[in-house]
C-alpha atoms as a PDB file:
ATOM      1  CA  MET A   1      -0.066   8.874  -4.553  1.00  0.00           C
ATOM      2  CA  GLY A   2      -0.167  12.336  -2.917  1.00  0.00           C
ATOM      3  CA  TYR A   3      -3.570  11.065  -1.397  1.00  0.00           C
ATOM      4  CA  ALA A   4      -2.175   7.864  -0.302  1.00  0.00           C
ATOM      5  CA  LEU A   5       0.547   9.489   1.755  1.00  0.00           C
ATOM      6  CA  ARG A   6      -1.751  11.819   3.045  1.00  0.00           C
ATOM      7  CA  SER A   7      -3.621   9.409   4.702  1.00  0.00           C
ATOM      8  CA  ALA A   8      -0.619   6.953   5.707  1.00  0.00           C
ATOM      9  CA  GLN A   9       0.621   9.932   6.924  1.00  0.00           C
ATOM     10  CA  ARG A  10      -2.823  10.743   9.995  1.00  0.00           C
ATOM     11  CA  GLY A  11      -2.363   5.937   9.668  1.00  0.00           C
ATOM     12  CA  GLY A  12       1.208   6.936  11.439  1.00  0.00           C
ATOM     13  CA  ALA A  13       0.025  10.055  13.515  1.00  0.00           C
ATOM     14  CA  GLU A  14      -2.991   7.876  15.139  1.00  0.00           C
ATOM     15  CA  GLY A  15       0.131   5.310  16.371  1.00  0.00           C
ATOM     16  CA  GLY A  16      -0.931   2.925  13.383  1.00  0.00           C
ATOM     17  CA  VAL A  17       0.888   1.370  10.530  1.00  0.00           C
ATOM     18  CA  PRO A  18       1.409   5.019   7.424  1.00  0.00           C
ATOM     19  CA  ILE A  19      -0.407   2.960   5.097  1.00  0.00           C
ATOM     20  CA  GLY A  20      -2.600   4.532   3.016  1.00  0.00           C
ATOM     21  CA  ALA A  21      -4.226   3.914  -0.416  1.00  0.00           C
ATOM     22  CA  ALA A  22      -6.528   6.178  -2.935  1.00  0.00           C
ATOM     23  CA  LEU A  23      -9.098   5.127  -4.936  1.00  0.00           C
ATOM     24  CA  VAL A  24      -9.098   6.577  -8.316  1.00  0.00           C
ATOM     25  CA  ILE A  25     -12.382   6.374 -10.991  1.00  0.00           C
ATOM     26  CA  GLY A  26     -12.145   8.551 -14.066  1.00  0.00           C
ATOM     27  CA  GLY A  27      -9.945  11.239 -12.455  1.00  0.00           C
ATOM     28  CA  GLU A  28     -12.238  11.293  -9.336  1.00  0.00           C
ATOM     29  CA  VAL A  29     -11.148  10.210  -5.567  1.00  0.00           C
ATOM     30  CA  VAL A  30     -13.629   8.211  -4.539  1.00  0.00           C
ATOM     31  CA  ALA A  31     -12.420   7.353  -1.342  1.00  0.00           C
ATOM     32  CA  THR A  32      -9.112   7.156   0.706  1.00  0.00           C
ATOM     33  CA  GLY A  33      -8.151   4.983   3.554  1.00  0.00           C
ATOM     34  CA  ASN A  34      -5.211   4.128   5.875  1.00  0.00           C
ATOM     35  CA  ASN A  35      -4.214   0.959   7.721  1.00  0.00           C
ATOM     36  CA  ARG A  36      -6.258   0.658  10.834  1.00  0.00           C
ATOM     37  CA  ARG A  37      -5.762  -2.524  12.438  1.00  0.00           C
ATOM     38  CA  VAL A  38      -4.127  -1.166  15.044  1.00  0.00           C
ATOM     39  CA  GLN A  39      -6.700   1.634  16.207  1.00  0.00           C
ATOM     40  CA  ASP A  40      -9.762  -0.528  15.396  1.00  0.00           C
ATOM     41  CA  GLY A  41      -8.098  -3.394  16.782  1.00  0.00           C
ATOM     42  CA  SER A  42      -8.686  -5.280  13.083  1.00  0.00           C
ATOM     43  CA  VAL A  43      -6.999  -8.374  11.471  1.00  0.00           C
ATOM     44  CA  ILE A  44      -8.346  -7.167   8.098  1.00  0.00           C
ATOM     45  CA  ARG A  45      -7.640  -3.186   7.853  1.00  0.00           C
ATOM     46  CA  HIS A  46      -4.894  -2.688   5.931  1.00  0.00           C
ATOM     47  CA  ALA A  47      -5.089   0.560   3.728  1.00  0.00           C
ATOM     48  CA  GLU A  48      -6.484  -0.651   0.410  1.00  0.00           C
ATOM     49  CA  MET A  49      -9.193  -2.954   2.528  1.00  0.00           C
ATOM     50  CA  ASP A  50      -9.795   0.198   4.360  1.00  0.00           C
ATOM     51  CA  CYS A  51     -10.291   2.215   1.185  1.00  0.00           C
ATOM     52  CA  LEU A  52     -12.366  -0.082  -0.520  1.00  0.00           C
ATOM     53  CA  GLU A  53     -14.780  -0.020   2.173  1.00  0.00           C
ATOM     54  CA  ASN A  54     -14.473   3.908   2.501  1.00  0.00           C
ATOM     55  CA  ALA A  55     -15.614   4.119  -0.955  1.00  0.00           C
ATOM     56  CA  GLY A  56     -19.076   1.503  -0.348  1.00  0.00           C
ATOM     57  CA  ARG A  57     -20.987  -0.465  -2.959  1.00  0.00           C
ATOM     58  CA  LEU A  58     -20.345   0.566  -6.196  1.00  0.00           C
ATOM     59  CA  ASP A  59     -20.913  -1.264  -9.146  1.00  0.00           C
ATOM     60  CA  ALA A  60     -18.273  -3.919 -10.992  1.00  0.00           C
ATOM     61  CA  SER A  61     -18.251  -1.334 -14.178  1.00  0.00           C
ATOM     62  CA  ASP A  62     -16.568   1.618 -12.046  1.00  0.00           C
ATOM     63  CA  TYR A  63     -14.125  -0.983 -10.319  1.00  0.00           C
ATOM     64  CA  ARG A  64     -13.269  -2.080 -14.142  1.00  0.00           C
ATOM     65  CA  ARG A  65     -12.284   1.698 -15.028  1.00  0.00           C
ATOM     66  CA  ALA A  66     -10.368   2.200 -11.611  1.00  0.00           C
ATOM     67  CA  ALA A  67      -6.943   2.815 -10.467  1.00  0.00           C
ATOM     68  CA  LEU A  68      -5.716   2.349  -6.610  1.00  0.00           C
ATOM     69  CA  TYR A  69      -2.471   4.426  -5.549  1.00  0.00           C
ATOM     70  CA  THR A  70      -1.615   2.751  -2.657  1.00  0.00           C
ATOM     71  CA  SER A  71       1.529   4.238  -0.540  1.00  0.00           C
ATOM     72  CA  LEU A  72       3.422  -0.099  -0.756  1.00  0.00           C
ATOM     73  CA  ALA A  73       3.392  -2.952  -2.308  1.00  0.00           C
ATOM     74  CA  PRO A  74       0.279  -4.466  -1.421  1.00  0.00           C
ATOM     75  CA  CYS A  75      -0.547  -7.521   0.648  1.00  0.00           C
ATOM     76  CA  ARG A  76      -1.567 -10.952  -0.548  1.00  0.00           C
ATOM     77  CA  MET A  77      -5.001 -10.415   1.192  1.00  0.00           C
ATOM     78  CA  CYS A  78      -5.479  -6.785  -0.552  1.00  0.00           C
ATOM     79  CA  THR A  79      -3.983  -8.335  -3.828  1.00  0.00           C
ATOM     80  CA  GLY A  80      -7.165 -10.558  -3.674  1.00  0.00           C
ATOM     81  CA  ALA A  81      -9.706  -8.181  -3.171  1.00  0.00           C
ATOM     82  CA  LEU A  82      -8.423  -6.083  -5.990  1.00  0.00           C
ATOM     83  CA  LEU A  83      -8.337  -9.543  -8.383  1.00  0.00           C
ATOM     84  CA  LEU A  84     -11.693  -9.845  -7.285  1.00  0.00           C
ATOM     85  CA  TYR A  85     -13.585  -6.739  -8.075  1.00  0.00           C
ATOM     86  CA  GLY A  86     -11.058  -6.228 -11.208  1.00  0.00           C
ATOM     87  CA  ILE A  87      -9.378  -3.368 -10.548  1.00  0.00           C
ATOM     88  CA  PRO A  88      -7.435  -2.608 -14.092  1.00  0.00           C
ATOM     89  CA  GLU A  89      -4.581  -0.474 -12.372  1.00  0.00           C
ATOM     90  CA  VAL A  90      -2.418  -0.381  -9.263  1.00  0.00           C
ATOM     91  CA  VAL A  91       0.275   2.573  -8.415  1.00  0.00           C
ATOM     92  CA  ILE A  92       2.869   2.033  -5.902  1.00  0.00           C
ATOM     93  CA  GLY A  93       4.597   4.138  -3.869  1.00  0.00           C
ATOM     94  CA  GLU A  94       7.254   2.013  -3.001  1.00  0.00           C
ATOM     95  CA  ASN A  95       7.776  -1.677  -2.345  1.00  0.00           C
ATOM     96  CA  ASP A  96      11.499  -2.179  -0.744  1.00  0.00           C
ATOM     97  CA  HIS A  97       9.968  -2.441   2.178  1.00  0.00           C
ATOM     98  CA  PHE A  98       7.454  -5.140   0.910  1.00  0.00           C
ATOM     99  CA  THR A  99       7.393  -6.897  -2.298  1.00  0.00           C
ATOM    100  CA  GLU A 100       4.986  -9.382  -2.538  1.00  0.00           C
ATOM    101  CA  ASN A 101       2.062  -9.950  -5.558  1.00  0.00           C
ATOM    102  CA  GLU A 102       3.463  -7.337  -8.353  1.00  0.00           C
ATOM    103  CA  ASP A 103       4.127 -10.553 -10.400  1.00  0.00           C
ATOM    104  CA  LEU A 104       0.694 -11.712  -9.200  1.00  0.00           C
ATOM    105  CA  MET A 105      -1.156  -8.622 -10.476  1.00  0.00           C
ATOM    106  CA  VAL A 106       0.343  -8.347 -13.934  1.00  0.00           C
ATOM    107  CA  ALA A 107       0.071 -11.706 -14.526  1.00  0.00           C
ATOM    108  CA  GLN A 108      -3.349 -11.216 -14.019  1.00  0.00           C
ATOM    109  CA  GLY A 109      -3.955  -8.505 -16.163  1.00  0.00           C
ATOM    110  CA  VAL A 110      -3.078  -5.713 -14.139  1.00  0.00           C
ATOM    111  CA  ASN A 111      -1.313  -2.318 -15.149  1.00  0.00           C
ATOM    112  CA  VAL A 112       1.007  -2.064 -12.086  1.00  0.00           C
ATOM    113  CA  THR A 113       3.053   0.444 -11.935  1.00  0.00           C
ATOM    114  CA  VAL A 114       6.021   1.285  -9.200  1.00  0.00           C
ATOM    115  CA  LEU A 115       7.085   5.202  -8.264  1.00  0.00           C
ATOM    116  CA  ASN A 116       9.862   4.406  -6.214  1.00  0.00           C
ATOM    117  CA  ASP A 117       8.390   7.364  -4.115  1.00  0.00           C
ATOM    118  CA  GLU A 118      11.306   9.032  -1.696  1.00  0.00           C
ATOM    119  CA  ARG A 119       8.465   9.987   0.728  1.00  0.00           C
ATOM    120  CA  CYS A 120       6.557   6.936   1.111  1.00  0.00           C
ATOM    121  CA  TRP A 121      10.488   4.938   1.323  1.00  0.00           C
ATOM    122  CA  GLU A 122      10.908   7.222   3.987  1.00  0.00           C
ATOM    123  CA  LEU A 123       7.903   6.466   6.238  1.00  0.00           C
ATOM    124  CA  MET A 124       8.105   3.484   5.688  1.00  0.00           C
ATOM    125  CA  GLU A 125      11.586   3.537   6.625  1.00  0.00           C
ATOM    126  CA  ARG A 126      10.757   5.266  10.261  1.00  0.00           C
ATOM    127  CA  PHE A 127       8.556   3.103  10.983  1.00  0.00           C
ATOM    128  CA  VAL A 128      10.006  -0.462  10.427  1.00  0.00           C
ATOM    129  CA  ARG A 129      12.776   0.951  12.136  1.00  0.00           C
ATOM    130  CA  ALA A 130      10.297   2.145  14.812  1.00  0.00           C
ATOM    131  CA  ASN A 131       8.662  -1.268  15.690  1.00  0.00           C
ATOM    132  CA  ALA A 132       9.970  -4.289  13.910  1.00  0.00           C
ATOM    133  CA  GLU A 133       7.547  -6.520  16.332  1.00  0.00           C
ATOM    134  CA  LEU A 134       4.385  -4.603  14.685  1.00  0.00           C
ATOM    135  CA  TRP A 135       5.271  -4.578  11.349  1.00  0.00           C
ATOM    136  CA  SER A 136       5.821  -8.702  11.872  1.00  0.00           C
ATOM    137  CA  GLU A 137       2.218  -8.953  12.936  1.00  0.00           C
ATOM    138  CA  ASP A 138       1.296  -6.627  10.177  1.00  0.00           C
ATOM    139  CA  ILE A 139       2.711  -9.015   7.227  1.00  0.00           C
ATOM    140  CA  GLY A 140       1.129 -11.775   8.607  1.00  0.00           C
ATOM    141  CA  GLY A 141       4.232 -12.558  11.273  1.00  0.00           C
ATOM    142  CA  ARG A 142       7.477 -13.424   9.183  1.00  0.00           C
ATOM    143  CA  PRO A 143       9.860 -12.166  10.457  1.00  0.00           C
ATOM    144  CA  GLY A 144      10.822  -9.448   8.048  1.00  0.00           C
ATOM    145  CA  GLY A 145       8.340 -10.812   6.032  1.00  0.00           C
ATOM    146  CA  GLN A 146       9.097 -10.559   2.086  1.00  0.00           C
ATOM    147  CA  MET A 147      10.348  -6.891   2.964  1.00  0.00           C
ATOM    148  CA  ALA A 148      13.558  -6.173   1.674  1.00  0.00           C
ATOM    149  CA  LYS A 149      16.907  -5.424   3.564  1.00  0.00           C
ATOM    150  CA  VAL A 150      16.311  -1.831   5.263  1.00  0.00           C
ATOM    151  CA  ARG A 151      19.018   0.528   3.493  1.00  0.00           C
ATOM    152  CA  GLY A 152      19.000   3.999   2.966  1.00  0.00           C
ATOM    153  CA  PRO A 153      20.392   6.076   0.132  1.00  0.00           C
ATOM    154  CA  ARG A 154      22.934   4.360  -2.087  1.00  0.00           C
ATOM    155  CA  PRO A 155      26.448   5.910  -2.453  1.00  0.00           C
ATOM    156  CA  ASP A 156      24.962   7.968  -5.289  1.00  0.00           C
ATOM    157  CA  GLY A 157      22.745   9.732  -3.359  1.00  0.00           C
ATOM    158  CA  ARG A 158      19.316   7.848  -4.751  1.00  0.00           C
ATOM    159  CA  TRP A 159      17.120   5.853  -2.852  1.00  0.00           C
ATOM    160  CA  ALA A 160      17.731   1.359  -3.019  1.00  0.00           C
ATOM    161  CA  GLY A 161      15.109   1.191  -5.186  1.00  0.00           C
ATOM    162  CA  GLN A 162      15.414   3.993  -7.672  1.00  0.00           C
ATOM    163  CA  ARG A 163      15.842   2.975 -11.747  1.00  0.00           C
END
């Protein structure tokens, strides 16, 4: 998750949406990517799509033994790409700020793990609070999208979504 988080931080520092991804095959990081919609003026360059593009053309068998790490739960477009290429494992940093497709991935046989990583949560929390309009645009113009309520630590000190 560290590679995905660093990619997210890099994207945020560039003025973009701070979401990052890393593609891992056989324990080796093959590519990383970050949301580049703002920086590139792109309608499709979400972190997962950027990561897959940065990996270049791979053999189908490579995708089938890959894991994709992403700092935030993937949208429909990115989920579609993951399913198209048969990526069997997705590790999500946090899904409090956006959740929509975990059940779809699981139904299609993808092993999905949500880490509830506080660092990923805090990065998105700061961004969403400061950039509500840009965030809405990034998730398809849905006011609030499928995002969970923006919330802070619970009384027990754990972050929302932590188990």
